[in-house]
Amino acid sequence: MKIKKLVVDSLQEAVEEVRSLYGSEAVILSTRVIKQRLLPFLPFPQRSKLEITVGIPDKEDFGEELKREETLYQEINRLKENLKEVMELVKRQKVEKEEIKRDDLEGEYSLRALYLMNKLINRGVSRDVAQKIVESACGYDFELKRLDLKGENLESLIEGFSKNLRLVESFPEEGFNVVALLGPTGVGKTTTIAKLAYNLKQKGKRVGLITIDSYRTGAVQQLQTYANIMELPFRTADTPYRLRECIGELSSLDVVLVDTGGRSQYNEVKLKELASFFTKLPALKAYITLSANTEERVQYEIIQSFSVVEPFGLIFTKLDETNYFGTLVNVAYRTQIPILCLTIGQRVPEDMVMASYEYLAKIFLEVQ
């Protein structure tokens, strides 16, 4: 038997926590009341907490489950290491506001190719990323004796994006799907959930909504209003155990969309609390939601912090609130996490576009 210790506020919370983390076979071996300081640097005031000792029976399949969890944590740690490297690279790079001068790369690229690079850079794409994207759409022109676009601007940019960025290929996947949106406060997760729900319903999918955001004023009412308008089943879950119950109640549907409360990417306690909701949900697809008007290196910090739950893709919101949405290309290129969708305003359900290479190329070239 394996022994674990947990610190909780009440016996009821202890029972729910043990059941959600370790299953129904785990048993509470002992409990004791402990005192914790409210402020670590002051001896008083203190609050009473309950420390419980949990016994987890050894089973043959427990080892396999542990191996699977270790593999998952290794993948998450690998992603975090990659993101650290990316963040260091971004910090070292000088912010490039000027265009590429013609005489800078004119010996390597045609004027058409340089024009396309400048289009990307003027929208916030880093120079090295812009060069890589355009280069992927070029071939060597023996007459010009330099690299030139193989087609017109639009089709060339589509080709460049398709070779360097990943998009979510199938949404939703076949079978039962649990889709959760994670991210900091204020990025628009709730309205994006509503937009996705409408989009899926229009495709003939059976959709349910769950919110675990019971702290923000009006959050539950906002999503419930959307659910009522679209005539979708709606549930509220304030504990990991209740979330699993709600998912079970809606398991006959095609997709369950889960709205989460915003958390600061710097609050490790809240992030671990969030992760506990999604432990051992095999059908889970977690999407990190980022605002396109957020500084690029902060976007990397958000991805790194919210990767306590393995990210399946990215959602970029508020493209209408910045002229420099090229940072989404930088982030998608450097992390190689696929993009699911983009939002371009507050209106539900209109202001959302499922990500496509053609749409990305058109917004950079300002083509309707």
Protein backbone atom coordinates (compact mmCIF):
# COMPACT_ATOMS: atom_id res chain seq x y z
CA MET A 1 0.00 0.00 0.00
CA LYS A 2 1.22 3.47 -0.86
CA ILE A 3 0.83 6.32 1.63
CA LYS A 4 -0.02 9.92 0.70
CA LYS A 5 -0.71 13.01 2.79
CA LEU A 6 -3.13 15.81 1.89
CA VAL A 7 -3.99 19.10 3.63
CA VAL A 8 -7.62 20.20 3.25
CA ASP A 9 -10.20 22.44 4.92
CA SER A 10 -12.78 19.85 5.92
CA LEU A 11 -13.50 16.14 6.08
CA GLN A 12 -16.02 16.44 3.26
CA GLU A 13 -13.41 18.05 1.04
CA ALA A 14 -10.99 15.29 2.05
CA VAL A 15 -13.39 12.57 0.92
CA GLU A 16 -13.99 14.28 -2.44
CA GLU A 17 -10.28 14.95 -2.98
CA VAL A 18 -9.27 11.38 -2.19
CA ARG A 19 -11.97 9.98 -4.45
CA SER A 20 -11.07 12.24 -7.38
CA LEU A 21 -7.29 11.82 -7.09
CA TYR A 22 -6.91 8.18 -6.04
CA GLY A 23 -10.22 6.47 -6.80
CA SER A 24 -12.82 4.73 -4.69
CA GLU A 25 -10.39 2.08 -3.42
CA ALA A 26 -8.27 4.59 -1.50
CA VAL A 27 -8.93 4.86 2.24
CA ILE A 28 -8.34 7.56 4.83
CA LEU A 29 -6.05 6.04 7.46
CA SER A 30 -5.85 8.93 9.90
CA THR A 31 -6.60 12.63 10.37
CA ARG A 32 -5.18 15.38 12.54
CA VAL A 33 -5.76 19.10 12.94
CA ILE A 34 -2.78 21.33 12.12
CA LYS A 35 -2.22 25.07 12.26
CA GLN A 36 -1.05 27.06 9.24
CA ARG A 37 0.09 30.66 9.17
CA LEU A 38 -1.94 32.99 6.99
CA LEU A 39 1.22 34.99 6.33
CA PRO A 40 4.48 32.99 6.23
CA PHE A 41 6.54 35.78 7.80
CA LEU A 42 4.21 36.34 10.79
CA PRO A 43 3.47 33.83 13.58
CA PHE A 44 -0.13 35.03 13.80
CA PRO A 45 -2.89 34.85 12.68
CA GLN A 46 -3.22 31.12 12.07
CA ARG A 47 -5.93 28.94 10.61
CA SER A 48 -6.89 25.34 11.32
CA LYS A 49 -6.44 22.78 8.52
CA LEU A 50 -7.01 19.05 8.38
CA GLU A 51 -4.09 16.80 7.47
CA ILE A 52 -5.17 13.39 6.24
CA THR A 53 -3.14 10.26 5.61
CA VAL A 54 -4.38 8.28 2.62
CA GLY A 55 -3.71 4.61 1.89
CA ILE A 56 -3.70 3.60 -1.78
CA PRO A 57 -3.92 -0.17 -2.42
CA ASP A 58 -1.33 -1.62 -4.77
CA LYS A 59 -2.89 -3.05 -7.89
CA GLU A 60 -1.51 -4.54 -11.04
CA ASP A 61 -3.03 -1.80 -13.17
CA PHE A 62 -1.83 0.91 -10.80
CA GLY A 63 1.72 0.49 -12.12
CA GLU A 64 0.49 0.85 -15.68
CA GLU A 65 -1.47 3.98 -14.78
CA LEU A 66 1.61 5.39 -13.08
CA LYS A 67 3.67 4.73 -16.19
CA ARG A 68 1.11 6.52 -18.33
CA GLU A 69 1.12 9.51 -15.98
CA GLU A 70 4.93 9.58 -15.96
CA THR A 71 4.94 9.60 -19.77
CA LEU A 72 2.46 12.47 -19.77
CA TYR A 73 4.54 14.47 -17.28
CA GLN A 74 7.66 13.83 -19.39
CA GLU A 75 5.87 15.24 -22.43
CA ILE A 76 4.73 18.28 -20.47
CA ASN A 77 8.25 18.84 -19.11
CA ARG A 78 9.67 18.51 -22.63
CA LEU A 79 7.21 21.16 -23.84
CA LYS A 80 8.16 23.44 -20.95
CA GLU A 81 11.87 23.08 -21.78
CA ASN A 82 11.18 23.96 -25.42
CA LEU A 83 9.17 26.99 -24.33
CA LYS A 84 12.01 28.14 -22.06
CA GLU A 85 14.37 28.10 -25.05
CA VAL A 86 11.86 30.02 -27.15
CA MET A 87 11.37 32.63 -24.41
CA GLU A 88 15.13 33.13 -24.09
CA LEU A 89 15.39 33.56 -27.86
CA VAL A 90 12.62 36.16 -27.87
CA LYS A 91 14.22 38.06 -24.98
CA ARG A 92 17.55 38.18 -26.83
CA GLN A 93 16.02 39.40 -30.07
CA LYS A 94 15.82 43.14 -30.76
CA VAL A 95 12.29 44.38 -31.47
CA GLU A 96 12.16 44.93 -35.24
CA LYS A 97 9.95 47.77 -36.31
CA GLU A 98 11.70 48.70 -39.56
CA GLU A 99 11.12 46.93 -42.85
CA ILE A 100 13.73 44.81 -44.58
CA LYS A 101 15.61 47.19 -46.85
CA ARG A 102 15.79 46.16 -50.49
CA ASP A 103 19.58 46.10 -50.49
CA ASP A 104 19.61 43.89 -47.36
CA LEU A 105 18.50 40.64 -49.01
CA GLU A 106 18.12 41.68 -52.65
CA GLY A 107 21.00 39.42 -53.62
CA GLU A 108 19.01 36.40 -52.36
CA TYR A 109 15.32 37.22 -52.92
CA SER A 110 13.24 38.83 -55.63
CA LEU A 111 11.40 42.08 -54.98
CA ARG A 112 8.12 40.12 -54.85
CA ALA A 113 9.48 37.89 -52.10
CA LEU A 114 10.81 40.88 -50.15
CA TYR A 115 7.41 42.58 -50.48
CA LEU A 116 5.74 39.54 -48.92
CA MET A 117 8.27 39.47 -46.06
CA ASN A 118 7.58 43.13 -45.34
CA LYS A 119 3.83 42.45 -45.26
CA LEU A 120 4.40 39.90 -42.50
CA ILE A 121 6.91 41.99 -40.55
CA ASN A 122 4.64 45.05 -40.62
CA ARG A 123 2.00 42.98 -38.81
CA GLY A 124 4.37 41.82 -36.07
CA VAL A 125 5.92 38.63 -37.49
CA SER A 126 9.57 38.32 -36.47
CA ARG A 127 12.06 38.75 -39.30
CA ASP A 128 13.51 35.25 -39.05
CA VAL A 129 10.01 33.69 -39.05
CA ALA A 130 8.87 35.84 -41.97
CA GLN A 131 11.97 34.88 -43.95
CA LYS A 132 11.40 31.19 -43.27
CA ILE A 133 7.73 31.35 -44.33
CA VAL A 134 8.44 33.22 -47.56
CA GLU A 135 11.46 31.06 -48.38
CA SER A 136 9.22 27.97 -48.13
CA ALA A 137 7.07 29.42 -50.94
CA CYS A 138 10.01 30.26 -53.22
CA GLY A 139 11.90 28.49 -55.93
CA TYR A 140 15.18 29.46 -57.61
CA ASP A 141 14.68 31.65 -60.65
CA PHE A 142 17.65 31.15 -62.99
CA GLU A 143 16.78 34.28 -64.97
CA LEU A 144 16.72 36.51 -61.89
CA LYS A 145 19.45 34.44 -60.21
CA ARG A 146 17.68 34.58 -56.87
CA LEU A 147 14.75 33.05 -54.99
CA ASP A 148 11.33 34.10 -56.27
CA LEU A 149 7.74 33.23 -55.37
CA LYS A 150 6.39 30.20 -57.23
CA GLY A 151 2.92 31.76 -57.54
CA GLU A 152 0.93 34.88 -56.77
CA ASN A 153 1.14 36.51 -53.32
CA LEU A 154 -1.94 34.82 -51.85
CA GLU A 155 -1.19 31.28 -52.96
CA SER A 156 2.49 31.72 -52.05
CA LEU A 157 1.65 32.84 -48.52
CA ILE A 158 -0.82 29.97 -48.13
CA GLU A 159 1.97 27.57 -49.13
CA GLY A 160 4.44 29.23 -46.74
CA PHE A 161 2.02 28.99 -43.81
CA SER A 162 1.08 25.38 -44.60
CA LYS A 163 4.73 24.31 -44.48
CA ASN A 164 5.53 26.06 -41.21
CA LEU A 165 2.38 26.26 -39.06
CA ARG A 166 0.15 23.50 -37.70
CA LEU A 167 -3.63 23.68 -37.56
CA VAL A 168 -6.06 21.40 -35.70
CA GLU A 169 -7.02 19.04 -38.51
CA SER A 170 -10.16 17.48 -37.11
CA PHE A 171 -12.51 19.21 -34.69
CA PRO A 172 -14.15 17.52 -33.02
CA GLU A 173 -12.63 14.08 -33.35
CA GLU A 174 -14.82 11.02 -33.79
CA GLY A 175 -16.45 9.72 -30.61
CA PHE A 176 -17.01 11.50 -27.31
CA ASN A 177 -14.99 14.70 -26.78
CA VAL A 178 -14.38 16.82 -23.68
CA VAL A 179 -13.01 20.21 -24.76
CA ALA A 180 -11.69 22.60 -22.09
CA LEU A 181 -10.52 26.17 -22.63
CA LEU A 182 -7.70 27.29 -20.35
CA GLY A 183 -6.07 30.69 -20.01
CA PRO A 184 -5.69 33.83 -17.94
CA THR A 185 -8.49 36.19 -16.96
CA GLY A 186 -9.96 38.41 -19.64
CA VAL A 187 -8.92 36.58 -22.81
CA GLY A 188 -12.52 35.75 -23.74
CA LYS A 189 -12.87 32.06 -22.90
CA THR A 190 -16.59 32.19 -22.08
CA THR A 191 -17.66 33.95 -25.29
CA THR A 192 -15.36 31.69 -27.29
CA ILE A 193 -17.02 28.63 -25.69
CA ALA A 194 -20.41 30.00 -26.80
CA LYS A 195 -19.13 30.58 -30.34
CA LEU A 196 -17.72 27.06 -30.54
CA ALA A 197 -20.96 25.61 -29.18
CA TYR A 198 -22.98 27.35 -31.88
CA ASN A 199 -20.52 26.27 -34.59
CA LEU A 200 -20.70 22.64 -33.48
CA LYS A 201 -24.47 22.68 -33.20
CA GLN A 202 -24.71 24.02 -36.75
CA LYS A 203 -22.66 21.01 -37.85
CA GLY A 204 -25.25 18.71 -36.29
CA LYS A 205 -23.22 17.83 -33.19
CA ARG A 206 -24.90 17.23 -29.84
CA VAL A 207 -23.25 19.71 -27.46
CA GLY A 208 -23.28 20.24 -23.69
CA LEU A 209 -21.77 23.04 -21.59
CA ILE A 210 -20.09 22.86 -18.18
CA THR A 211 -18.54 25.69 -16.19
CA ILE A 212 -16.10 25.29 -13.31
CA ASP A 213 -15.83 29.09 -13.00
CA SER A 214 -17.95 29.55 -9.88
CA TYR A 215 -15.87 32.43 -8.46
CA ARG A 216 -16.16 35.19 -11.05
CA THR A 217 -19.28 37.31 -10.61
CA GLY A 218 -21.82 36.54 -13.32
CA ALA A 219 -19.70 33.87 -15.01
CA VAL A 220 -22.19 31.04 -14.44
CA GLN A 221 -25.14 33.20 -15.47
CA GLN A 222 -23.39 34.35 -18.64
CA LEU A 223 -22.72 30.84 -19.94
CA GLN A 224 -26.12 29.60 -18.78
CA THR A 225 -27.77 32.37 -20.80
CA TYR A 226 -25.92 31.21 -23.92
CA ALA A 227 -26.92 27.61 -23.15
CA ASN A 228 -30.59 28.58 -22.78
CA ILE A 229 -30.60 30.54 -26.05
CA MET A 230 -29.05 27.60 -27.94
CA GLU A 231 -31.14 25.05 -25.99
CA LEU A 232 -28.08 23.14 -24.78
CA PRO A 233 -27.74 21.15 -21.54
CA PHE A 234 -25.79 23.06 -18.91
CA ARG A 235 -24.01 22.00 -15.71
CA THR A 236 -21.95 23.67 -12.97
CA ALA A 237 -19.07 21.85 -11.27
CA ASP A 238 -17.21 23.28 -8.28
CA THR A 239 -15.04 20.22 -7.48
CA PRO A 240 -13.10 17.70 -9.60
CA TYR A 241 -15.47 14.94 -8.47
CA ARG A 242 -18.53 16.96 -9.50
CA LEU A 243 -16.92 17.66 -12.89
CA ARG A 244 -16.58 13.93 -13.51
CA GLU A 245 -20.20 13.46 -12.49
CA CYS A 246 -21.33 16.16 -14.93
CA ILE A 247 -19.29 14.66 -17.76
CA GLY A 248 -20.86 11.29 -17.00
CA GLU A 249 -24.35 12.85 -17.15
CA LEU A 250 -23.56 14.32 -20.59
CA SER A 251 -21.62 11.36 -21.98
CA SER A 252 -24.35 10.53 -24.51
CA LEU A 253 -23.51 13.77 -26.38
CA ASP A 254 -20.81 14.30 -29.01
CA VAL A 255 -18.97 17.20 -27.37
CA VAL A 256 -18.87 18.66 -23.86
CA LEU A 257 -17.33 22.14 -23.68
CA VAL A 258 -15.82 23.11 -20.32
CA ASP A 259 -15.35 26.76 -19.36
CA THR A 260 -12.67 27.41 -16.74
CA GLY A 261 -12.09 30.43 -14.54
CA GLY A 262 -9.25 32.76 -15.46
CA ARG A 263 -6.07 32.28 -13.45
CA SER A 264 -2.84 34.24 -13.43
CA GLN A 265 -0.01 32.38 -15.13
CA TYR A 266 2.12 33.28 -12.11
CA ASN A 267 -0.16 31.70 -9.47
CA GLU A 268 1.17 28.15 -9.07
CA VAL A 269 -1.38 27.19 -6.39
CA LYS A 270 -4.35 28.10 -8.60
CA LEU A 271 -2.78 26.35 -11.59
CA LYS A 272 -2.34 23.13 -9.60
CA GLU A 273 -5.93 23.42 -8.44
CA LEU A 274 -6.98 23.74 -12.09
CA ALA A 275 -4.94 20.68 -13.06
CA SER A 276 -6.71 18.58 -10.41
CA PHE A 277 -10.01 19.04 -12.27
CA PHE A 278 -8.67 17.39 -15.42
CA THR A 279 -6.67 14.48 -13.98
CA LYS A 280 -7.51 11.16 -15.66
CA LEU A 281 -9.96 12.45 -18.27
CA PRO A 282 -9.00 10.36 -21.33
CA ALA A 283 -11.36 12.17 -23.73
CA LEU A 284 -9.97 15.61 -22.74
CA LYS A 285 -8.70 18.07 -25.34
CA ALA A 286 -7.36 21.21 -23.62
CA TYR A 287 -6.92 24.42 -25.63
CA ILE A 288 -4.89 27.33 -24.29
CA THR A 289 -6.61 30.63 -25.08
CA LEU A 290 -4.39 33.63 -25.82
CA SER A 291 -5.21 37.25 -26.60
CA ALA A 292 -3.55 38.43 -29.82
CA ASN A 293 -2.87 41.84 -28.24
CA THR A 294 -0.74 40.31 -25.45
CA GLU A 295 3.04 40.77 -25.61
CA GLU A 296 4.66 37.79 -27.30
CA ARG A 297 6.95 36.71 -24.48
CA VAL A 298 3.99 36.85 -22.07
CA GLN A 299 2.14 34.49 -24.41
CA TYR A 300 4.99 32.00 -24.04
CA GLU A 301 4.79 32.35 -20.26
CA ILE A 302 1.05 31.64 -20.38
CA ILE A 303 1.57 28.51 -22.50
CA GLN A 304 4.31 27.29 -20.17
CA SER A 305 2.22 27.85 -17.04
CA PHE A 306 -1.03 26.36 -18.34
CA SER A 307 0.77 23.30 -19.66
CA VAL A 308 0.07 21.71 -16.26
CA VAL A 309 -2.65 20.21 -18.47
CA GLU A 310 -1.21 18.91 -21.73
CA PRO A 311 -2.26 21.41 -24.46
CA PHE A 312 -3.94 20.01 -27.56
CA GLY A 313 -4.03 23.33 -29.40
CA LEU A 314 -4.15 27.13 -29.25
CA ILE A 315 -6.99 29.63 -29.64
CA PHE A 316 -6.18 33.27 -30.42
CA THR A 317 -8.75 35.93 -29.48
CA LYS A 318 -9.14 39.70 -29.98
CA LEU A 319 -7.50 39.94 -33.40
CA ASP A 320 -9.72 42.98 -33.91
CA GLU A 321 -7.99 44.80 -31.04
CA THR A 322 -4.49 44.96 -32.52
CA ASN A 323 -2.80 45.71 -35.83
CA TYR A 324 0.16 43.54 -34.85
CA PHE A 325 -1.44 40.09 -34.76
CA GLY A 326 1.71 38.58 -36.33
CA THR A 327 2.75 37.44 -32.86
CA LEU A 328 0.30 34.54 -33.25
CA VAL A 329 2.38 33.32 -36.21
CA ASN A 330 5.57 33.60 -34.14
CA VAL A 331 4.04 31.66 -31.25
CA ALA A 332 2.51 28.94 -33.44
CA TYR A 333 5.76 28.58 -35.42
CA ARG A 334 8.08 28.42 -32.43
CA THR A 335 5.94 26.11 -30.26
CA GLN A 336 4.50 24.00 -33.11
CA ILE A 337 1.23 23.73 -31.17
CA PRO A 338 -1.65 23.67 -33.68
CA ILE A 339 -4.16 26.54 -33.94
CA LEU A 340 -7.88 25.74 -33.56
CA CYS A 341 -9.64 29.04 -34.19
CA LEU A 342 -9.42 32.83 -34.12
CA THR A 343 -11.90 35.36 -32.74
CA ILE A 344 -12.32 38.81 -34.28
CA GLY A 345 -14.86 40.52 -32.03
CA GLN A 346 -17.35 40.16 -29.19
CA ARG A 347 -20.43 39.13 -31.16
CA VAL A 348 -21.74 35.61 -30.54
CA PRO A 349 -21.68 33.58 -32.71
CA GLU A 350 -20.48 35.65 -35.68
CA ASP A 351 -16.99 36.78 -34.66
CA MET A 352 -15.11 33.50 -34.84
CA VAL A 353 -13.23 31.78 -37.67
CA MET A 354 -11.91 28.23 -37.60
CA ALA A 355 -8.22 28.46 -38.45
CA SER A 356 -7.21 27.92 -42.08
CA TYR A 357 -4.08 28.78 -44.05
CA GLU A 358 -6.18 30.72 -46.55
CA TYR A 359 -7.76 32.91 -43.85
CA LEU A 360 -4.36 33.64 -42.29
CA ALA A 361 -2.91 34.61 -45.67
CA LYS A 362 -5.86 36.89 -46.44
CA ILE A 363 -5.68 38.88 -43.19
CA PHE A 364 -1.96 39.54 -43.69
CA LEU A 365 -2.50 40.60 -47.30
CA GLU A 366 -5.69 42.49 -46.38
CA VAL A 367 -7.69 40.50 -48.92
CA GLN A 368 -11.45 40.22 -48.39
